[in-house]
Amino acid sequence: MYKSFYHFLMKYRSLTPKDKISTFANDAYDDLAFPKNSSDYHEISLYLELNGHYLDSMTVFDEAWEQYLVSES
């Protein structure tokens, strides 16, 4: 069984974010409504488009998603 995208993303959390994905991970951690159990691209993407005010660009999500797919294959 695949781990959720959120679970994958949490390995990038950092007290001093090194890049945009680390910043995204920190912000997603603080977002209590983030779909933590989802591994569905469309569900997470739609959520972030409507609620991800902390993302500078959806490109950050897309880059993290690509890394997620590689790690889960």
N, C-alpha and C. Protein backbone atom coordinates (compact mmCIF):
# COMPACT_ATOMS: atom_id res chain seq x y z
N MET A 1 0.83 -1.19 0.00
CA MET A 1 0.00 0.00 0.00
C MET A 1 0.87 1.25 0.00
N TYR A 2 0.47 2.20 -0.81
CA TYR A 2 1.23 3.44 -0.90
C TYR A 2 0.97 4.34 0.30
N LYS A 3 2.01 5.08 0.69
CA LYS A 3 1.78 6.06 1.74
C LYS A 3 1.16 7.30 1.12
N SER A 4 0.49 8.06 1.93
CA SER A 4 -0.17 9.26 1.42
C SER A 4 0.88 10.29 0.97
N PHE A 5 0.44 11.20 0.12
CA PHE A 5 1.33 12.27 -0.33
C PHE A 5 1.80 13.09 0.86
N TYR A 6 0.89 13.38 1.79
CA TYR A 6 1.24 14.16 2.99
C TYR A 6 2.35 13.46 3.77
N HIS A 7 2.21 12.15 3.97
CA HIS A 7 3.22 11.38 4.69
C HIS A 7 4.58 11.50 3.98
N PHE A 8 4.57 11.38 2.66
CA PHE A 8 5.79 11.55 1.87
C PHE A 8 6.36 12.95 2.06
N LEU A 9 5.50 13.95 1.97
CA LEU A 9 5.94 15.35 2.03
C LEU A 9 6.59 15.69 3.37
N MET A 10 6.15 15.05 4.43
CA MET A 10 6.65 15.39 5.76
C MET A 10 8.14 15.10 5.94
N LYS A 11 8.71 14.27 5.08
CA LYS A 11 10.16 14.03 5.21
C LYS A 11 10.96 15.26 4.79
N TYR A 12 10.31 16.24 4.18
CA TYR A 12 10.98 17.47 3.75
C TYR A 12 10.84 18.61 4.76
N ARG A 13 10.09 18.37 5.85
CA ARG A 13 9.95 19.42 6.86
C ARG A 13 11.30 19.76 7.43
N SER A 14 11.49 21.05 7.75
CA SER A 14 12.77 21.50 8.27
C SER A 14 12.56 22.78 9.07
N LEU A 15 13.29 22.91 10.16
CA LEU A 15 13.22 24.15 10.94
C LEU A 15 13.71 25.34 10.12
N THR A 16 14.69 25.09 9.28
CA THR A 16 15.18 26.13 8.37
C THR A 16 15.02 25.60 6.95
N PRO A 17 13.88 25.89 6.32
CA PRO A 17 13.61 25.35 4.98
C PRO A 17 14.74 25.67 4.00
N LYS A 18 15.16 24.63 3.28
CA LYS A 18 16.27 24.76 2.35
C LYS A 18 15.82 25.12 0.94
N ASP A 19 14.54 24.83 0.64
CA ASP A 19 14.04 25.07 -0.71
C ASP A 19 12.52 25.21 -0.65
N LYS A 20 11.91 25.35 -1.82
CA LYS A 20 10.46 25.57 -1.88
C LYS A 20 9.67 24.35 -1.42
N ILE A 21 10.20 23.16 -1.65
CA ILE A 21 9.49 21.96 -1.20
C ILE A 21 9.52 21.87 0.33
N SER A 22 10.63 22.23 0.95
CA SER A 22 10.70 22.25 2.41
C SER A 22 9.71 23.26 2.99
N THR A 23 9.63 24.42 2.36
CA THR A 23 8.67 25.43 2.80
C THR A 23 7.25 24.91 2.63
N PHE A 24 6.96 24.27 1.50
CA PHE A 24 5.65 23.66 1.25
C PHE A 24 5.33 22.63 2.34
N ALA A 25 6.29 21.79 2.66
CA ALA A 25 6.07 20.76 3.69
C ALA A 25 5.74 21.40 5.03
N ASN A 26 6.47 22.43 5.40
CA ASN A 26 6.19 23.12 6.66
C ASN A 26 4.79 23.73 6.66
N ASP A 27 4.42 24.35 5.55
CA ASP A 27 3.10 24.98 5.46
C ASP A 27 1.99 23.94 5.46
N ALA A 28 2.19 22.83 4.76
CA ALA A 28 1.18 21.76 4.75
C ALA A 28 1.01 21.18 6.14
N TYR A 29 2.09 21.07 6.88
CA TYR A 29 2.03 20.58 8.26
C TYR A 29 1.14 21.48 9.12
N ASP A 30 1.26 22.78 8.91
CA ASP A 30 0.48 23.75 9.67
C ASP A 30 -0.97 23.86 9.20
N ASP A 31 -1.26 23.33 8.02
CA ASP A 31 -2.61 23.38 7.43
C ASP A 31 -3.43 22.20 7.96
N LEU A 32 -4.25 22.48 8.97
CA LEU A 32 -4.99 21.40 9.64
C LEU A 32 -6.00 20.70 8.73
N ALA A 33 -6.42 21.36 7.65
CA ALA A 33 -7.41 20.78 6.75
C ALA A 33 -6.78 20.05 5.55
N PHE A 34 -5.47 20.06 5.44
CA PHE A 34 -4.80 19.40 4.31
C PHE A 34 -5.26 17.94 4.24
N PRO A 35 -5.54 17.43 3.03
CA PRO A 35 -6.01 16.03 2.89
C PRO A 35 -4.88 15.03 3.19
N LYS A 36 -4.68 14.78 4.46
CA LYS A 36 -3.52 14.01 4.93
C LYS A 36 -3.51 12.54 4.50
N ASN A 37 -4.65 11.98 4.24
CA ASN A 37 -4.70 10.56 3.90
C ASN A 37 -4.81 10.29 2.41
N SER A 38 -4.75 11.33 1.61
CA SER A 38 -4.96 11.18 0.18
C SER A 38 -3.67 10.88 -0.58
N SER A 39 -3.82 10.08 -1.61
CA SER A 39 -2.73 9.86 -2.57
C SER A 39 -3.27 10.11 -3.98
N ASP A 40 -4.32 10.94 -4.05
CA ASP A 40 -4.98 11.25 -5.31
C ASP A 40 -4.57 12.66 -5.78
N TYR A 41 -3.89 12.70 -6.92
CA TYR A 41 -3.39 13.98 -7.44
C TYR A 41 -4.48 15.03 -7.57
N HIS A 42 -5.61 14.64 -8.15
CA HIS A 42 -6.66 15.62 -8.42
C HIS A 42 -7.28 16.15 -7.13
N GLU A 43 -7.47 15.30 -6.16
CA GLU A 43 -8.02 15.76 -4.88
C GLU A 43 -7.09 16.76 -4.20
N ILE A 44 -5.82 16.44 -4.16
CA ILE A 44 -4.85 17.33 -3.49
C ILE A 44 -4.67 18.61 -4.29
N SER A 45 -4.58 18.49 -5.61
CA SER A 45 -4.41 19.65 -6.47
C SER A 45 -5.59 20.62 -6.32
N LEU A 46 -6.79 20.10 -6.36
CA LEU A 46 -7.97 20.94 -6.19
C LEU A 46 -7.98 21.61 -4.82
N TYR A 47 -7.64 20.85 -3.80
CA TYR A 47 -7.58 21.42 -2.45
C TYR A 47 -6.60 22.59 -2.42
N LEU A 48 -5.42 22.38 -2.99
CA LEU A 48 -4.39 23.43 -2.96
C LEU A 48 -4.79 24.64 -3.80
N GLU A 49 -5.45 24.41 -4.92
CA GLU A 49 -5.90 25.53 -5.75
C GLU A 49 -6.91 26.39 -4.99
N LEU A 50 -7.72 25.77 -4.17
CA LEU A 50 -8.75 26.51 -3.44
C LEU A 50 -8.27 27.01 -2.08
N ASN A 51 -7.31 26.31 -1.48
CA ASN A 51 -6.92 26.62 -0.10
C ASN A 51 -5.42 26.80 0.13
N GLY A 52 -4.63 26.55 -0.88
CA GLY A 52 -3.18 26.59 -0.71
C GLY A 52 -2.59 27.96 -0.89
N HIS A 53 -3.13 28.92 -0.19
CA HIS A 53 -2.65 30.30 -0.30
C HIS A 53 -1.18 30.44 0.04
N TYR A 54 -0.64 29.45 0.75
CA TYR A 54 0.76 29.49 1.14
C TYR A 54 1.71 29.06 0.02
N LEU A 55 1.18 28.52 -1.07
CA LEU A 55 2.04 28.13 -2.20
C LEU A 55 2.25 29.31 -3.13
N ASP A 56 3.51 29.60 -3.45
CA ASP A 56 3.80 30.65 -4.41
C ASP A 56 3.30 30.26 -5.79
N SER A 57 3.39 28.97 -6.09
CA SER A 57 3.02 28.46 -7.41
C SER A 57 2.67 26.98 -7.29
N MET A 58 1.73 26.54 -8.10
CA MET A 58 1.37 25.12 -8.11
C MET A 58 2.52 24.27 -8.66
N THR A 59 3.49 24.92 -9.28
CA THR A 59 4.67 24.21 -9.78
C THR A 59 5.39 23.50 -8.64
N VAL A 60 5.39 24.11 -7.46
CA VAL A 60 6.03 23.49 -6.30
C VAL A 60 5.34 22.16 -5.97
N PHE A 61 4.01 22.17 -5.99
CA PHE A 61 3.26 20.93 -5.76
C PHE A 61 3.59 19.90 -6.84
N ASP A 62 3.60 20.34 -8.10
CA ASP A 62 3.88 19.41 -9.20
C ASP A 62 5.27 18.78 -9.07
N GLU A 63 6.25 19.57 -8.66
CA GLU A 63 7.61 19.03 -8.47
C GLU A 63 7.62 18.01 -7.33
N ALA A 64 6.94 18.34 -6.24
CA ALA A 64 6.88 17.41 -5.10
C ALA A 64 6.12 16.14 -5.50
N TRP A 65 5.06 16.31 -6.31
CA TRP A 65 4.27 15.15 -6.74
C TRP A 65 5.13 14.21 -7.59
N GLU A 66 5.94 14.77 -8.47
CA GLU A 66 6.82 13.93 -9.31
C GLU A 66 7.78 13.14 -8.43
N GLN A 67 8.33 13.77 -7.41
CA GLN A 67 9.23 13.05 -6.49
C GLN A 67 8.48 11.97 -5.73
N TYR A 68 7.25 12.27 -5.37
CA TYR A 68 6.39 11.28 -4.69
C TYR A 68 6.17 10.06 -5.58
N LEU A 69 5.85 10.28 -6.84
CA LEU A 69 5.63 9.16 -7.76
C LEU A 69 6.88 8.30 -7.91
N VAL A 70 8.02 8.93 -8.02
CA VAL A 70 9.29 8.19 -8.14
C VAL A 70 9.54 7.36 -6.88
N SER A 71 9.29 7.96 -5.72
CA SER A 71 9.59 7.26 -4.46
C SER A 71 8.63 6.10 -4.22
N GLU A 72 7.44 6.18 -4.78
CA GLU A 72 6.44 5.14 -4.54
C GLU A 72 6.41 4.07 -5.63
N SER A 73 7.24 4.22 -6.66
CA SER A 73 7.22 3.22 -7.75
C SER A 73 8.20 2.10 -7.49
